[in-house]
Amino acid sequence: MNEQIEQIAKRLAGLREALDISTEEMAKVCHLSKEDYLLLESGKTDISVSVLHQIAQAYNVELTTLMFGSEPKMNSYFITRKGKGEAVERTKVYKYRSLAMGFSDRKADPFIVTVHPKADGETIYQNTHSGQEFNFVLSGRMLIQINGKDLILEEGDSIYFNSSLPHGMQALDGKEVKFLAIIL
């Protein structure tokens, strides 16, 4: 797995140890078996943003702290310049760039998400997390699957949805898609 996932795994293990949380309790928060949770901490498997979001909410930790390892410090405003922002590539398909990681006590987590095309026949990775999500397509076309329903969004289209429903995205036309994702 890549180095960024290994770093996230170390932060998860560190958080669990610092808060004296058992692996069983952490697995329960993530809706995973203990064995599956331990795979996440090993750094040998992808860690979904939905799992990180569940942990962040349960233990009052910033999502971006788990993803990027730095604590937000600003509380009046935070600027992210064009093409900047901390990035993490969870898999070869999804790349997240945080737009507000330096702002503390955020009510929402905005990201620019880049989804690379998958090979034909590959399944769409589904995830869930509490709250709601807003996606606005900046470039390209994507298939978004929500609770088993396929929807196609093109540049300029947006969708707001209940993110506790299983959802996943896939780039269309053999080209990457970029979209603004706001997780609330």
C-alpha atoms as a PDB file:
ATOM      1  CA  MET A   1       0.000   0.000   0.000  1.00  0.00           C
ATOM      2  CA  ASN A   2       1.229   3.528  -0.359  1.00  0.00           C
ATOM      3  CA  GLU A   3       3.069   5.597   2.217  1.00  0.00           C
ATOM      4  CA  GLN A   4       0.137   7.970   2.811  1.00  0.00           C
ATOM      5  CA  ILE A   5      -2.148   5.094   3.818  1.00  0.00           C
ATOM      6  CA  GLU A   6       0.562   3.783   6.123  1.00  0.00           C
ATOM      7  CA  GLN A   7       0.796   7.227   7.760  1.00  0.00           C
ATOM      8  CA  ILE A   8      -2.983   7.372   8.251  1.00  0.00           C
ATOM      9  CA  ALA A   9      -2.848   3.866   9.771  1.00  0.00           C
ATOM     10  CA  LYS A  10      -0.180   5.032  12.257  1.00  0.00           C
ATOM     11  CA  ARG A  11      -2.348   8.023  13.220  1.00  0.00           C
ATOM     12  CA  LEU A  12      -5.330   5.713  13.815  1.00  0.00           C
ATOM     13  CA  ALA A  13      -3.256   3.439  16.036  1.00  0.00           C
ATOM     14  CA  GLY A  14      -1.823   6.469  17.844  1.00  0.00           C
ATOM     15  CA  LEU A  15      -5.272   7.951  18.444  1.00  0.00           C
ATOM     16  CA  ARG A  16      -6.595   4.649  19.761  1.00  0.00           C
ATOM     17  CA  GLU A  17      -3.619   4.266  22.092  1.00  0.00           C
ATOM     18  CA  ALA A  18      -3.704   7.902  23.269  1.00  0.00           C
ATOM     19  CA  LEU A  19      -7.399   7.656  24.139  1.00  0.00           C
ATOM     20  CA  ASP A  20      -6.983   4.135  25.599  1.00  0.00           C
ATOM     21  CA  ILE A  21      -9.584   2.713  23.232  1.00  0.00           C
ATOM     22  CA  SER A  22      -9.726  -1.030  22.621  1.00  0.00           C
ATOM     23  CA  THR A  23      -9.560  -2.362  19.079  1.00  0.00           C
ATOM     24  CA  GLU A  24     -13.029  -3.838  19.678  1.00  0.00           C
ATOM     25  CA  GLU A  25     -14.490  -0.416  20.495  1.00  0.00           C
ATOM     26  CA  MET A  26     -12.800   1.262  17.528  1.00  0.00           C
ATOM     27  CA  ALA A  27     -14.028  -1.513  15.229  1.00  0.00           C
ATOM     28  CA  LYS A  28     -17.575  -1.032  16.548  1.00  0.00           C
ATOM     29  CA  VAL A  29     -17.438   2.719  15.817  1.00  0.00           C
ATOM     30  CA  CYS A  30     -16.351   1.890  12.254  1.00  0.00           C
ATOM     31  CA  HIS A  31     -18.988  -0.841  11.840  1.00  0.00           C
ATOM     32  CA  LEU A  32     -16.210  -3.341  11.146  1.00  0.00           C
ATOM     33  CA  SER A  33     -15.047  -6.607  12.635  1.00  0.00           C
ATOM     34  CA  LYS A  34     -12.013  -6.406  14.912  1.00  0.00           C
ATOM     35  CA  GLU A  35      -9.978  -8.239  12.259  1.00  0.00           C
ATOM     36  CA  ASP A  36     -11.004  -5.799   9.505  1.00  0.00           C
ATOM     37  CA  TYR A  37     -10.219  -2.823  11.739  1.00  0.00           C
ATOM     38  CA  LEU A  38      -6.771  -4.238  12.551  1.00  0.00           C
ATOM     39  CA  LEU A  39      -6.125  -4.493   8.804  1.00  0.00           C
ATOM     40  CA  LEU A  40      -6.700  -0.720   8.614  1.00  0.00           C
ATOM     41  CA  GLU A  41      -4.190  -0.074  11.403  1.00  0.00           C
ATOM     42  CA  SER A  42      -1.678  -2.326   9.648  1.00  0.00           C
ATOM     43  CA  GLY A  43      -1.510   0.110   6.708  1.00  0.00           C
ATOM     44  CA  LYS A  44      -1.883  -2.790   4.280  1.00  0.00           C
ATOM     45  CA  THR A  45      -5.416  -1.945   3.167  1.00  0.00           C
ATOM     46  CA  ASP A  46      -7.161   1.203   1.965  1.00  0.00           C
ATOM     47  CA  ILE A  47      -8.850   3.336   4.607  1.00  0.00           C
ATOM     48  CA  SER A  48     -12.014   4.985   3.344  1.00  0.00           C
ATOM     49  CA  VAL A  49     -12.866   8.578   4.110  1.00  0.00           C
ATOM     50  CA  SER A  50     -16.164   7.301   5.507  1.00  0.00           C
ATOM     51  CA  VAL A  51     -14.340   5.263   8.173  1.00  0.00           C
ATOM     52  CA  LEU A  52     -12.110   8.226   9.017  1.00  0.00           C
ATOM     53  CA  HIS A  53     -15.195  10.461   9.217  1.00  0.00           C
ATOM     54  CA  GLN A  54     -16.885   8.047  11.654  1.00  0.00           C
ATOM     55  CA  ILE A  55     -13.794   7.995  13.891  1.00  0.00           C
ATOM     56  CA  ALA A  56     -13.397  11.785  13.719  1.00  0.00           C
ATOM     57  CA  GLN A  57     -17.000  12.323  14.790  1.00  0.00           C
ATOM     58  CA  ALA A  58     -16.946   9.668  17.515  1.00  0.00           C
ATOM     59  CA  TYR A  59     -13.777  10.996  19.161  1.00  0.00           C
ATOM     60  CA  ASN A  60     -14.053  14.728  18.360  1.00  0.00           C
ATOM     61  CA  VAL A  61     -10.978  14.791  16.130  1.00  0.00           C
ATOM     62  CA  GLU A  62     -10.643  16.777  12.912  1.00  0.00           C
ATOM     63  CA  LEU A  63     -11.066  14.570   9.844  1.00  0.00           C
ATOM     64  CA  THR A  64      -8.137  16.290   8.163  1.00  0.00           C
ATOM     65  CA  THR A  65      -5.946  15.598  11.218  1.00  0.00           C
ATOM     66  CA  LEU A  66      -6.495  11.883  10.654  1.00  0.00           C
ATOM     67  CA  MET A  67      -5.953  12.233   6.900  1.00  0.00           C
ATOM     68  CA  PHE A  68      -2.977  14.615   6.849  1.00  0.00           C
ATOM     69  CA  GLY A  69      -1.488  14.597  10.353  1.00  0.00           C
ATOM     70  CA  SER A  70      -1.565  18.317  11.108  1.00  0.00           C
ATOM     71  CA  GLU A  71      -3.786  20.160  13.535  1.00  0.00           C
ATOM     72  CA  PRO A  72      -5.860  23.086  12.259  1.00  0.00           C
ATOM     73  CA  LYS A  73      -5.002  26.394  13.906  1.00  0.00           C
ATOM     74  CA  MET A  74      -7.122  29.089  12.255  1.00  0.00           C
ATOM     75  CA  ASN A  75     -10.534  30.086  13.585  1.00  0.00           C
ATOM     76  CA  SER A  76     -11.422  33.250  11.678  1.00  0.00           C
ATOM     77  CA  TYR A  77     -10.567  32.235   8.076  1.00  0.00           C
ATOM     78  CA  PHE A  78      -8.324  29.935   6.090  1.00  0.00           C
ATOM     79  CA  ILE A  79      -7.276  30.441   2.463  1.00  0.00           C
ATOM     80  CA  THR A  80      -6.327  27.630   0.110  1.00  0.00           C
ATOM     81  CA  ARG A  81      -4.705  28.970  -3.036  1.00  0.00           C
ATOM     82  CA  LYS A  82      -5.384  27.518  -6.485  1.00  0.00           C
ATOM     83  CA  GLY A  83      -3.760  24.115  -6.871  1.00  0.00           C
ATOM     84  CA  LYS A  84      -2.735  24.024  -3.213  1.00  0.00           C
ATOM     85  CA  GLY A  85      -4.110  22.191  -0.205  1.00  0.00           C
ATOM     86  CA  GLU A  86      -2.943  18.994   1.420  1.00  0.00           C
ATOM     87  CA  ALA A  87      -3.493  15.984  -0.797  1.00  0.00           C
ATOM     88  CA  VAL A  88      -3.852  12.310  -0.068  1.00  0.00           C
ATOM     89  CA  GLU A  89      -4.186   9.598  -2.649  1.00  0.00           C
ATOM     90  CA  ARG A  90      -6.041   6.780  -0.898  1.00  0.00           C
ATOM     91  CA  THR A  91      -6.001   4.479  -3.886  1.00  0.00           C
ATOM     92  CA  LYS A  92      -4.896   4.776  -7.481  1.00  0.00           C
ATOM     93  CA  VAL A  93      -8.477   5.805  -8.283  1.00  0.00           C
ATOM     94  CA  TYR A  94      -9.335   8.472  -5.646  1.00  0.00           C
ATOM     95  CA  LYS A  95      -7.262  11.530  -4.734  1.00  0.00           C
ATOM     96  CA  TYR A  96      -8.477  14.052  -2.128  1.00  0.00           C
ATOM     97  CA  ARG A  97      -7.226  17.624  -1.705  1.00  0.00           C
ATOM     98  CA  SER A  98      -8.399  19.361   1.473  1.00  0.00           C
ATOM     99  CA  LEU A  99      -9.559  22.947   1.060  1.00  0.00           C
ATOM    100  CA  ALA A 100      -9.971  23.864   4.741  1.00  0.00           C
ATOM    101  CA  MET A 101      -7.613  21.697   6.758  1.00  0.00           C
ATOM    102  CA  GLY A 102      -6.148  24.684   8.587  1.00  0.00           C
ATOM    103  CA  PHE A 103      -9.504  25.860   9.987  1.00  0.00           C
ATOM    104  CA  SER A 104     -10.375  24.456  13.406  1.00  0.00           C
ATOM    105  CA  ASP A 105     -13.827  23.286  14.511  1.00  0.00           C
ATOM    106  CA  ARG A 106     -15.150  23.082  10.951  1.00  0.00           C
ATOM    107  CA  LYS A 107     -18.831  22.293  10.434  1.00  0.00           C
ATOM    108  CA  ALA A 108     -18.024  20.802   7.015  1.00  0.00           C
ATOM    109  CA  ASP A 109     -15.029  19.267   5.242  1.00  0.00           C
ATOM    110  CA  PRO A 110     -14.552  20.526   1.659  1.00  0.00           C
ATOM    111  CA  PHE A 111     -12.321  18.565  -0.727  1.00  0.00           C
ATOM    112  CA  ILE A 112     -11.416  18.597  -4.392  1.00  0.00           C
ATOM    113  CA  VAL A 113     -11.689  14.939  -5.362  1.00  0.00           C
ATOM    114  CA  THR A 114     -10.078  13.527  -8.481  1.00  0.00           C
ATOM    115  CA  VAL A 115     -11.327  10.147  -9.639  1.00  0.00           C
ATOM    116  CA  HIS A 116      -9.293   8.348 -12.272  1.00  0.00           C
ATOM    117  CA  PRO A 117     -10.986   5.983 -14.728  1.00  0.00           C
ATOM    118  CA  LYS A 118     -11.188   2.334 -13.742  1.00  0.00           C
ATOM    119  CA  ALA A 119     -10.762  -0.686 -15.936  1.00  0.00           C
ATOM    120  CA  ASP A 120     -13.972  -1.930 -17.527  1.00  0.00           C
ATOM    121  CA  GLY A 121     -15.902  -4.241 -15.264  1.00  0.00           C
ATOM    122  CA  GLU A 122     -14.341  -2.981 -12.011  1.00  0.00           C
ATOM    123  CA  THR A 123     -16.957  -2.426  -9.338  1.00  0.00           C
ATOM    124  CA  ILE A 124     -17.577   0.966  -7.803  1.00  0.00           C
ATOM    125  CA  TYR A 125     -16.213   1.199  -4.277  1.00  0.00           C
ATOM    126  CA  GLN A 126     -19.149   1.972  -1.970  1.00  0.00           C
ATOM    127  CA  ASN A 127     -18.867   3.780   1.337  1.00  0.00           C
ATOM    128  CA  THR A 128     -21.151   5.324   3.918  1.00  0.00           C
ATOM    129  CA  HIS A 129     -20.707   7.937   6.628  1.00  0.00           C
ATOM    130  CA  SER A 130     -23.026   9.883   8.840  1.00  0.00           C
ATOM    131  CA  GLY A 131     -24.345  13.236   7.726  1.00  0.00           C
ATOM    132  CA  GLN A 132     -24.804  14.650   4.282  1.00  0.00           C
ATOM    133  CA  GLU A 133     -22.629  15.317   1.258  1.00  0.00           C
ATOM    134  CA  PHE A 134     -22.621  17.836  -1.574  1.00  0.00           C
ATOM    135  CA  ASN A 135     -20.771  17.155  -4.857  1.00  0.00           C
ATOM    136  CA  PHE A 136     -20.269  19.684  -7.684  1.00  0.00           C
ATOM    137  CA  VAL A 137     -18.605  18.438 -10.883  1.00  0.00           C
ATOM    138  CA  LEU A 138     -15.783  20.759 -11.945  1.00  0.00           C
ATOM    139  CA  SER A 139     -14.593  18.787 -14.980  1.00  0.00           C
ATOM    140  CA  GLY A 140     -15.375  15.509 -16.673  1.00  0.00           C
ATOM    141  CA  ARG A 141     -18.363  13.218 -16.229  1.00  0.00           C
ATOM    142  CA  MET A 142     -19.056  10.761 -13.468  1.00  0.00           C
ATOM    143  CA  LEU A 143     -21.391   8.024 -12.497  1.00  0.00           C
ATOM    144  CA  ILE A 144     -22.494   8.377  -8.900  1.00  0.00           C
ATOM    145  CA  GLN A 145     -24.223   5.419  -7.378  1.00  0.00           C
ATOM    146  CA  ILE A 146     -26.416   6.138  -4.343  1.00  0.00           C
ATOM    147  CA  ASN A 147     -28.201   3.299  -2.608  1.00  0.00           C
ATOM    148  CA  GLY A 148     -28.078   1.232  -5.798  1.00  0.00           C
ATOM    149  CA  LYS A 149     -29.333   4.005  -8.113  1.00  0.00           C
ATOM    150  CA  ASP A 150     -27.019   5.097 -10.942  1.00  0.00           C
ATOM    151  CA  LEU A 151     -26.936   8.819 -11.724  1.00  0.00           C
ATOM    152  CA  ILE A 152     -24.754  10.570 -14.298  1.00  0.00           C
ATOM    153  CA  LEU A 153     -23.381  14.015 -13.512  1.00  0.00           C
ATOM    154  CA  GLU A 154     -21.658  16.259 -16.021  1.00  0.00           C
ATOM    155  CA  GLU A 155     -19.525  19.362 -15.626  1.00  0.00           C
ATOM    156  CA  GLY A 156     -21.562  21.985 -13.738  1.00  0.00           C
ATOM    157  CA  ASP A 157     -24.000  19.441 -12.258  1.00  0.00           C
ATOM    158  CA  SER A 158     -24.314  18.974  -8.514  1.00  0.00           C
ATOM    159  CA  ILE A 159     -25.937  16.600  -6.091  1.00  0.00           C
ATOM    160  CA  TYR A 160     -26.757  16.801  -2.385  1.00  0.00           C
ATOM    161  CA  PHE A 161     -27.457  13.506  -0.649  1.00  0.00           C
ATOM    162  CA  ASN A 162     -27.784  11.541   2.566  1.00  0.00           C
ATOM    163  CA  SER A 163     -24.283  10.090   2.951  1.00  0.00           C
ATOM    164  CA  SER A 164     -25.430   7.330   5.295  1.00  0.00           C
ATOM    165  CA  LEU A 165     -26.704   5.636   2.123  1.00  0.00           C
ATOM    166  CA  PRO A 166     -24.115   3.486   0.298  1.00  0.00           C
ATOM    167  CA  HIS A 167     -22.496   5.649  -2.382  1.00  0.00           C
ATOM    168  CA  GLY A 168     -19.570   5.638  -4.768  1.00  0.00           C
ATOM    169  CA  MET A 169     -18.274   7.460  -7.819  1.00  0.00           C
ATOM    170  CA  GLN A 170     -16.733   6.399 -11.103  1.00  0.00           C
ATOM    171  CA  ALA A 171     -15.122   8.514 -13.838  1.00  0.00           C
ATOM    172  CA  LEU A 172     -16.727   8.114 -17.263  1.00  0.00           C
ATOM    173  CA  ASP A 173     -15.480   8.306 -20.863  1.00  0.00           C
ATOM    174  CA  GLY A 174     -12.024   6.972 -19.910  1.00  0.00           C
ATOM    175  CA  LYS A 175     -11.104  10.391 -18.452  1.00  0.00           C
ATOM    176  CA  GLU A 176     -10.620  11.624 -14.915  1.00  0.00           C
ATOM    177  CA  VAL A 177     -13.349  13.610 -13.190  1.00  0.00           C
ATOM    178  CA  LYS A 178     -12.804  16.389 -10.658  1.00  0.00           C
ATOM    179  CA  PHE A 179     -15.468  17.487  -8.249  1.00  0.00           C
ATOM    180  CA  LEU A 180     -15.926  19.568  -5.159  1.00  0.00           C
ATOM    181  CA  ALA A 181     -17.099  17.359  -2.298  1.00  0.00           C
ATOM    182  CA  ILE A 182     -18.372  18.906   0.913  1.00  0.00           C
ATOM    183  CA  ILE A 183     -18.914  16.442   3.730  1.00  0.00           C
ATOM    184  CA  LEU A 184     -21.264  17.745   6.398  1.00  0.00           C
END
